[in-house]
Structure formats: C-alpha cells, structure tokens
Amino acid sequence: MSETTETNEKLNEAKEQIHDLQKDNKQITSELREVEKRVTVVESYAKPELDEMQRSNQRLSDDLRGTEKKVLRIEIFAIAITVIAAVFGFTGAWGLKIFNDAKKHMDQLEQRIDVLQESANNVEKRVEDGIQKLQEEESQSIQDLEEATAERIKVLQQVSANYRIASGITPKGNTDWEPYKDYDSTISLWVDTSKAHFSSTPIYIPTLLGSGKHYEALGTNAVYDATENGFRLYIVFPDYSELTPTLANEYNWYVSWIGLELLPE
C-alpha cells in the first residue's frame, strides 16, 4: 500500500469520525431539548397538584386547630358537670344524661381529629412523593446527558491524538460573498483559514448558517480549491432563483467550518 493511499484512508477515517461527532452533537442537543420538554411537562402537571395539596393541608390544619379548641371546651364542660354533680348530688337520670352527652360529644370530636390527622398525613405523603419523583427524573436526565457528553469527549480525545483540529466562523450578516461571474443566481465565498496555521491541506467540513433560506441552498458543504489557507464554496438555490451577496447578508448567512489535518507519525 502506497503512502498516499494510506494517508487518504486515514483522512477518510478521520472524516467519518468527525461526521459521527456531528451526529452525536445533534443527538445530544435533541436529547437535551426532550429533557427540557419533559421537565416542563412534569412541572406543569405537578405544580397545580402540589398547590392543591398545600391548600388542602392548610384547610385540614385549620380544621384540626378548630376541633382541638372544641375538645378543650368540652373537657372543661365535662369537668364542670362532674364537679356540679358531686357538689349538688346530681345522681339521677338528668345528671347522668348531661355527663354521657358530653362524653359522647368528646368521643366524636376525638374521632374527627383522628380522621383529620390521617388526611393531613396522606396529603403530606403525596407532596413528598411528588417532589421525590421530580427529583429522580431530573437526576436521571442529568446523568444521561453527562454520560453522553463523556462519551463524546472520549471520542474527541481519540481523534485529537492523531489529528489536528481547528475551526472558525465568518462574520454573521457581513460575510464577503461574491457574485459568480455574471450570474444573478449563484454566489461564492473564499473562506480564509490561514489563522489555523495548517501545515498541509486539511479535510474541511463547512456548514451554512443564517436566519432564513439557508436550509434551501445547495453547495453548502461542497468544498472547492482547498489549500492549507482556505477553501471556496459556491451556493445556489435549487430553482436557480435570484441569489446575490446582498440577499445572502440580508438572510444573515455565514459559514462555520471545521478543519481536520492528519499529524505526521
């Protein structure tokens, strides 16, 4: 196998790795957006329920305090009846009825206190379970993102051990687009990469960005005249409709690029 062939194979392998990194980046970005959507949905679902739980808990607490006051008054009344019965000798049916009625009322109030206390405990548990569920989902989402990011960094480290990577960007809304010959449907751009100080012609991976119409353009990743100091792009619409440097800058078109140079062994 010739040295040129081996070098080309390594460069192609590096290009595939870069493409894989770009796919990973898109996937991580997509996963992050999905996590944000899930958190938003969970929060929108959980917040009204938690608010209602807190209001219910407050109402139960108010009822409980009111019931405790009633119990206290009944206990005082029962003590008073007992004292009166002992002092004045209410030993007949009337005195016994008053005492039994008071005791019955006390028992009913104590049962209501137990019910209210159980309801309050249930509300508190639901609130705690809701908060715990949110925390677990958020923790899992963060862990998934950290693992994906760590894997991406690992791949980048493997690539950077054998290749030199540089990147750059042209001015947004002020890129030096040029008309192509006399056509009013094609523009070109010389992308200057000299600041990267490549020692040989790298693999260039360009991306056209902007605020509109860039997704329709053709030629956005077709590299021409590549050298260690730059490369050229030719951009056209599929229907060959009007495209001028002025329009390109009105669309805020600009180019982001990555250069990958094979390092000597």
Protein backbone atom coordinates (compact mmCIF):
# COMPACT_ATOMS: atom_id res chain seq x y z
CA MET A 1 0.00 0.00 0.00
CA SER A 2 1.45 3.38 -1.04
CA GLU A 3 1.95 6.19 1.47
CA THR A 4 -0.57 8.36 -0.40
CA THR A 5 -3.23 5.65 -0.29
CA GLU A 6 -2.63 5.05 3.43
CA THR A 7 -2.84 8.78 4.13
CA ASN A 8 -6.08 9.08 2.17
CA GLU A 9 -7.54 6.16 4.09
CA LYS A 10 -6.63 7.79 7.39
CA LEU A 11 -8.10 11.08 6.26
CA ASN A 12 -11.32 9.36 5.20
CA GLU A 13 -11.45 7.59 8.55
CA ALA A 14 -10.98 10.91 10.33
CA LYS A 15 -13.72 12.48 8.21
CA GLU A 16 -16.09 9.70 9.21
CA GLN A 17 -15.19 10.26 12.86
CA ILE A 18 -15.92 13.97 12.51
CA HIS A 19 -19.27 13.19 10.89
CA ASP A 20 -20.04 10.82 13.76
CA LEU A 21 -19.18 13.59 16.22
CA GLN A 22 -21.57 15.92 14.44
CA LYS A 23 -24.31 13.30 14.63
CA ASP A 24 -23.57 12.79 18.34
CA ASN A 25 -23.75 16.54 18.89
CA LYS A 26 -27.15 16.72 17.16
CA GLN A 27 -28.37 13.74 19.17
CA ILE A 28 -27.22 15.24 22.47
CA THR A 29 -28.86 18.55 21.56
CA SER A 30 -32.07 16.73 20.67
CA GLU A 31 -31.97 14.74 23.93
CA LEU A 32 -31.41 17.94 25.90
CA ARG A 33 -34.45 19.53 24.27
CA GLU A 34 -36.52 16.41 25.06
CA VAL A 35 -35.37 16.56 28.69
CA GLU A 36 -36.33 20.23 28.88
CA LYS A 37 -39.76 19.38 27.44
CA ARG A 38 -40.21 16.57 29.95
CA VAL A 39 -39.24 18.80 32.86
CA THR A 40 -41.65 21.48 31.62
CA VAL A 41 -44.48 18.95 31.27
CA VAL A 42 -43.79 17.41 34.67
CA GLU A 43 -43.64 20.83 36.31
CA SER A 44 -46.86 21.97 34.61
CA TYR A 45 -48.56 18.76 35.73
CA ALA A 46 -47.16 18.62 39.24
CA LYS A 47 -47.37 22.29 40.25
CA PRO A 48 -51.21 22.59 40.29
CA GLU A 49 -51.46 19.30 42.17
CA LEU A 50 -48.85 20.34 44.71
CA ASP A 51 -50.54 23.72 45.14
CA GLU A 52 -53.89 21.99 45.74
CA MET A 53 -52.26 19.60 48.19
CA GLN A 54 -50.80 22.52 50.11
CA ARG A 55 -54.18 24.28 50.20
CA SER A 56 -55.85 21.06 51.38
CA ASN A 57 -53.21 20.63 54.05
CA GLN A 58 -53.79 24.21 55.20
CA ARG A 59 -57.56 23.63 55.39
CA LEU A 60 -57.06 20.42 57.36
CA SER A 61 -54.67 22.18 59.72
CA ASP A 62 -57.25 24.94 60.32
CA ASP A 63 -59.98 22.33 60.94
CA LEU A 64 -57.70 20.46 63.30
CA ARG A 65 -56.95 23.58 65.36
CA GLY A 66 -60.68 24.41 65.49
CA THR A 67 -61.56 20.87 66.59
CA GLU A 68 -58.87 20.90 69.27
CA LYS A 69 -60.43 24.08 70.71
CA LYS A 70 -63.86 22.40 70.76
CA VAL A 71 -62.40 19.39 72.57
CA LEU A 72 -60.84 21.66 75.15
CA ARG A 73 -64.17 23.39 75.75
CA ILE A 74 -65.98 20.03 76.07
CA GLU A 75 -63.36 18.75 78.51
CA ILE A 76 -63.80 21.88 80.64
CA PHE A 77 -67.58 21.47 80.44
CA ALA A 78 -67.34 17.79 81.42
CA ILE A 79 -65.17 18.63 84.40
CA ALA A 80 -67.63 21.30 85.43
CA ILE A 81 -70.56 18.85 85.18
CA THR A 82 -68.64 16.30 87.22
CA VAL A 83 -67.94 18.90 89.92
CA ILE A 84 -71.57 20.09 89.95
CA ALA A 85 -72.82 16.51 90.14
CA ALA A 86 -70.52 15.83 93.08
CA VAL A 87 -71.37 19.07 94.91
CA PHE A 88 -75.13 19.17 94.32
CA GLY A 89 -75.71 15.47 94.17
CA PHE A 90 -76.99 15.11 90.60
CA THR A 91 -77.17 11.39 90.89
CA GLY A 92 -80.40 11.00 88.96
CA ALA A 93 -81.04 10.44 85.26
CA TRP A 94 -80.69 14.15 84.38
CA GLY A 95 -77.16 14.47 85.71
CA LEU A 96 -76.12 11.17 84.13
CA LYS A 97 -77.57 12.24 80.76
CA ILE A 98 -75.64 15.52 80.77
CA PHE A 99 -72.40 13.70 81.55
CA ASN A 100 -72.98 10.97 78.93
CA ASP A 101 -73.90 13.53 76.24
CA ALA A 102 -70.74 15.47 76.96
CA LYS A 103 -68.64 12.31 76.85
CA LYS A 104 -70.28 11.24 73.55
CA HIS A 105 -69.56 14.62 72.01
CA MET A 106 -65.94 14.37 73.14
CA ASP A 107 -65.58 10.92 71.57
CA GLN A 108 -66.99 12.19 68.26
CA LEU A 109 -64.59 15.12 68.23
CA GLU A 110 -61.63 12.89 69.00
CA GLN A 111 -62.62 10.61 66.10
CA ARG A 112 -62.77 13.65 63.80
CA ILE A 113 -59.31 14.68 64.98
CA ASP A 114 -58.00 11.22 64.04
CA VAL A 115 -59.61 11.47 60.59
CA LEU A 116 -58.22 14.94 60.01
CA GLN A 117 -54.78 13.90 61.17
CA GLU A 118 -54.80 10.89 58.82
CA SER A 119 -55.90 13.10 55.91
CA ALA A 120 -53.13 15.57 56.69
CA ASN A 121 -50.58 12.73 56.75
CA ASN A 122 -51.84 11.45 53.38
CA VAL A 123 -51.54 14.90 51.81
CA GLU A 124 -48.05 15.34 53.19
CA LYS A 125 -47.00 11.94 51.80
CA ARG A 126 -48.41 12.78 48.34
CA VAL A 127 -46.48 16.04 48.33
CA GLU A 128 -43.27 14.26 49.36
CA ASP A 129 -43.79 11.54 46.72
CA GLY A 130 -44.40 14.18 44.02
CA ILE A 131 -41.24 16.08 44.92
CA GLN A 132 -39.21 12.85 45.05
CA LYS A 133 -40.47 11.81 41.62
CA LEU A 134 -39.45 15.15 40.12
CA GLN A 135 -36.01 14.91 41.72
CA GLU A 136 -35.49 11.34 40.46
CA GLU A 137 -36.48 12.24 36.88
CA GLU A 138 -34.25 15.32 36.89
CA SER A 139 -31.34 13.32 38.32
CA GLN A 140 -31.74 10.60 35.67
CA SER A 141 -31.91 13.15 32.85
CA ILE A 142 -28.75 14.88 34.07
CA GLN A 143 -26.98 11.52 34.38
CA ASP A 144 -27.94 10.55 30.80
CA LEU A 145 -26.58 13.85 29.48
CA GLU A 146 -23.36 13.53 31.47
CA GLU A 147 -22.77 10.01 30.10
CA ALA A 148 -23.42 11.14 26.51
CA THR A 149 -21.11 14.13 26.94
CA ALA A 150 -18.37 11.97 28.49
CA GLU A 151 -18.56 9.56 25.53
CA ARG A 152 -18.33 12.47 23.09
CA ILE A 153 -15.28 13.86 24.89
CA LYS A 154 -13.67 10.42 24.79
CA VAL A 155 -14.09 10.25 21.01
CA LEU A 156 -12.74 13.77 20.61
CA GLN A 157 -9.66 12.84 22.65
CA GLN A 158 -9.06 9.79 20.45
CA VAL A 159 -9.33 11.90 17.31
CA SER A 160 -7.14 14.71 18.63
CA ALA A 161 -4.35 12.24 19.41
CA ASN A 162 -3.78 11.63 15.67
CA TYR A 163 -5.25 14.72 14.06
CA ARG A 164 -5.08 18.45 14.44
CA ILE A 165 -8.48 20.13 14.59
CA ALA A 166 -9.25 23.81 14.09
CA SER A 167 -12.45 25.69 13.43
CA GLY A 168 -13.68 29.12 12.51
CA ILE A 169 -16.64 31.25 11.53
CA THR A 170 -17.26 34.10 9.06
CA PRO A 171 -18.96 37.35 10.16
CA LYS A 172 -22.69 36.95 10.62
CA GLY A 173 -24.56 39.28 8.26
CA ASN A 174 -21.30 40.70 6.92
CA THR A 175 -19.63 37.81 5.13
CA ASP A 176 -17.69 38.65 1.95
CA TRP A 177 -19.96 36.85 -0.52
CA GLU A 178 -19.08 37.35 -4.17
CA PRO A 179 -21.21 37.08 -7.32
CA TYR A 180 -20.23 34.14 -9.53
CA LYS A 181 -19.32 35.51 -12.94
CA ASP A 182 -22.33 37.34 -14.40
CA TYR A 183 -24.96 35.05 -12.91
CA ASP A 184 -27.56 36.51 -10.58
CA SER A 185 -28.42 33.06 -9.17
CA THR A 186 -25.05 31.94 -7.82
CA ILE A 187 -22.69 33.34 -5.21
CA SER A 188 -19.30 32.17 -3.99
CA LEU A 189 -17.16 32.65 -0.91
CA TRP A 190 -13.49 32.24 -0.18
CA VAL A 191 -13.22 31.04 3.42
CA ASP A 192 -9.92 32.14 4.91
CA THR A 193 -8.47 29.55 7.32
CA SER A 194 -4.91 30.90 7.48
CA LYS A 195 -5.19 31.71 11.20
CA ALA A 196 -5.42 27.97 11.89
CA HIS A 197 -1.82 27.60 10.61
CA PHE A 198 -2.36 24.24 8.93
CA SER A 199 0.87 22.79 7.54
CA SER A 200 -0.95 20.81 4.84
CA THR A 201 -4.38 20.82 3.23
CA PRO A 202 -6.84 19.50 5.83
CA ILE A 203 -10.29 18.00 5.44
CA TYR A 204 -12.76 20.88 5.57
CA ILE A 205 -16.32 20.41 6.83
CA PRO A 206 -18.32 23.61 6.25
CA THR A 207 -21.85 24.45 7.44
CA LEU A 208 -24.02 27.29 6.13
CA LEU A 209 -25.92 29.10 8.90
CA GLY A 210 -28.32 32.03 8.91
CA SER A 211 -31.75 33.35 9.83
CA GLY A 212 -33.57 32.16 6.72
CA LYS A 213 -33.44 30.32 3.38
CA HIS A 214 -30.10 28.65 4.14
CA TYR A 215 -31.85 25.29 4.53
CA GLU A 216 -32.89 25.53 0.85
CA ALA A 217 -29.44 26.29 -0.53
CA LEU A 218 -27.29 23.82 -2.47
CA GLY A 219 -23.50 23.55 -2.39
CA THR A 220 -23.23 24.36 1.30
CA ASN A 221 -20.78 21.55 2.02
CA ALA A 222 -19.14 21.15 -1.41
CA VAL A 223 -15.54 22.31 -0.95
CA TYR A 224 -13.54 23.68 -3.91
CA ASP A 225 -9.92 24.84 -4.29
CA ALA A 226 -8.94 23.65 -0.81
CA THR A 227 -5.49 24.58 0.50
CA GLU A 228 -3.93 24.89 3.95
CA ASN A 229 -5.03 28.55 3.89
CA GLY A 230 -8.69 28.19 2.90
CA PHE A 231 -11.34 26.85 0.53
CA ARG A 232 -14.14 28.08 -1.71
CA LEU A 233 -17.91 27.47 -1.71
CA TYR A 234 -20.46 28.01 -4.49
CA ILE A 235 -24.07 28.48 -3.34
CA VAL A 236 -27.22 28.30 -5.44
CA PHE A 237 -30.96 27.73 -4.91
CA PRO A 238 -32.44 24.53 -6.42
CA ASP A 239 -34.67 26.56 -8.77
CA TYR A 240 -31.84 28.96 -9.68
CA SER A 241 -33.87 31.88 -8.33
CA GLU A 242 -32.17 35.18 -7.60
CA LEU A 243 -29.30 34.97 -5.15
CA THR A 244 -26.87 37.85 -4.67
CA PRO A 245 -24.30 38.78 -1.99
CA THR A 246 -26.71 41.46 -0.73
CA LEU A 247 -29.52 38.91 -0.31
CA ALA A 248 -27.18 36.46 1.40
CA ASN A 249 -26.26 39.05 4.01
CA GLU A 250 -29.90 40.07 4.42
CA TYR A 251 -30.53 36.43 5.29
CA ASN A 252 -27.60 36.72 7.77
CA TRP A 253 -25.82 33.87 6.01
CA TYR A 254 -22.43 32.91 7.35
CA VAL A 255 -20.18 29.83 7.32
CA SER A 256 -18.93 27.75 10.21
CA TRP A 257 -16.15 25.32 9.41
CA ILE A 258 -14.03 22.57 10.93
CA GLY A 259 -10.61 21.61 9.56
CA LEU A 260 -9.01 18.23 10.25
CA GLU A 261 -5.31 17.74 9.48
CA LEU A 262 -3.54 14.38 9.75
CA LEU A 263 -0.49 14.73 12.01
CA PRO A 264 2.80 13.12 10.94
CA GLU A 265 3.67 9.96 12.84
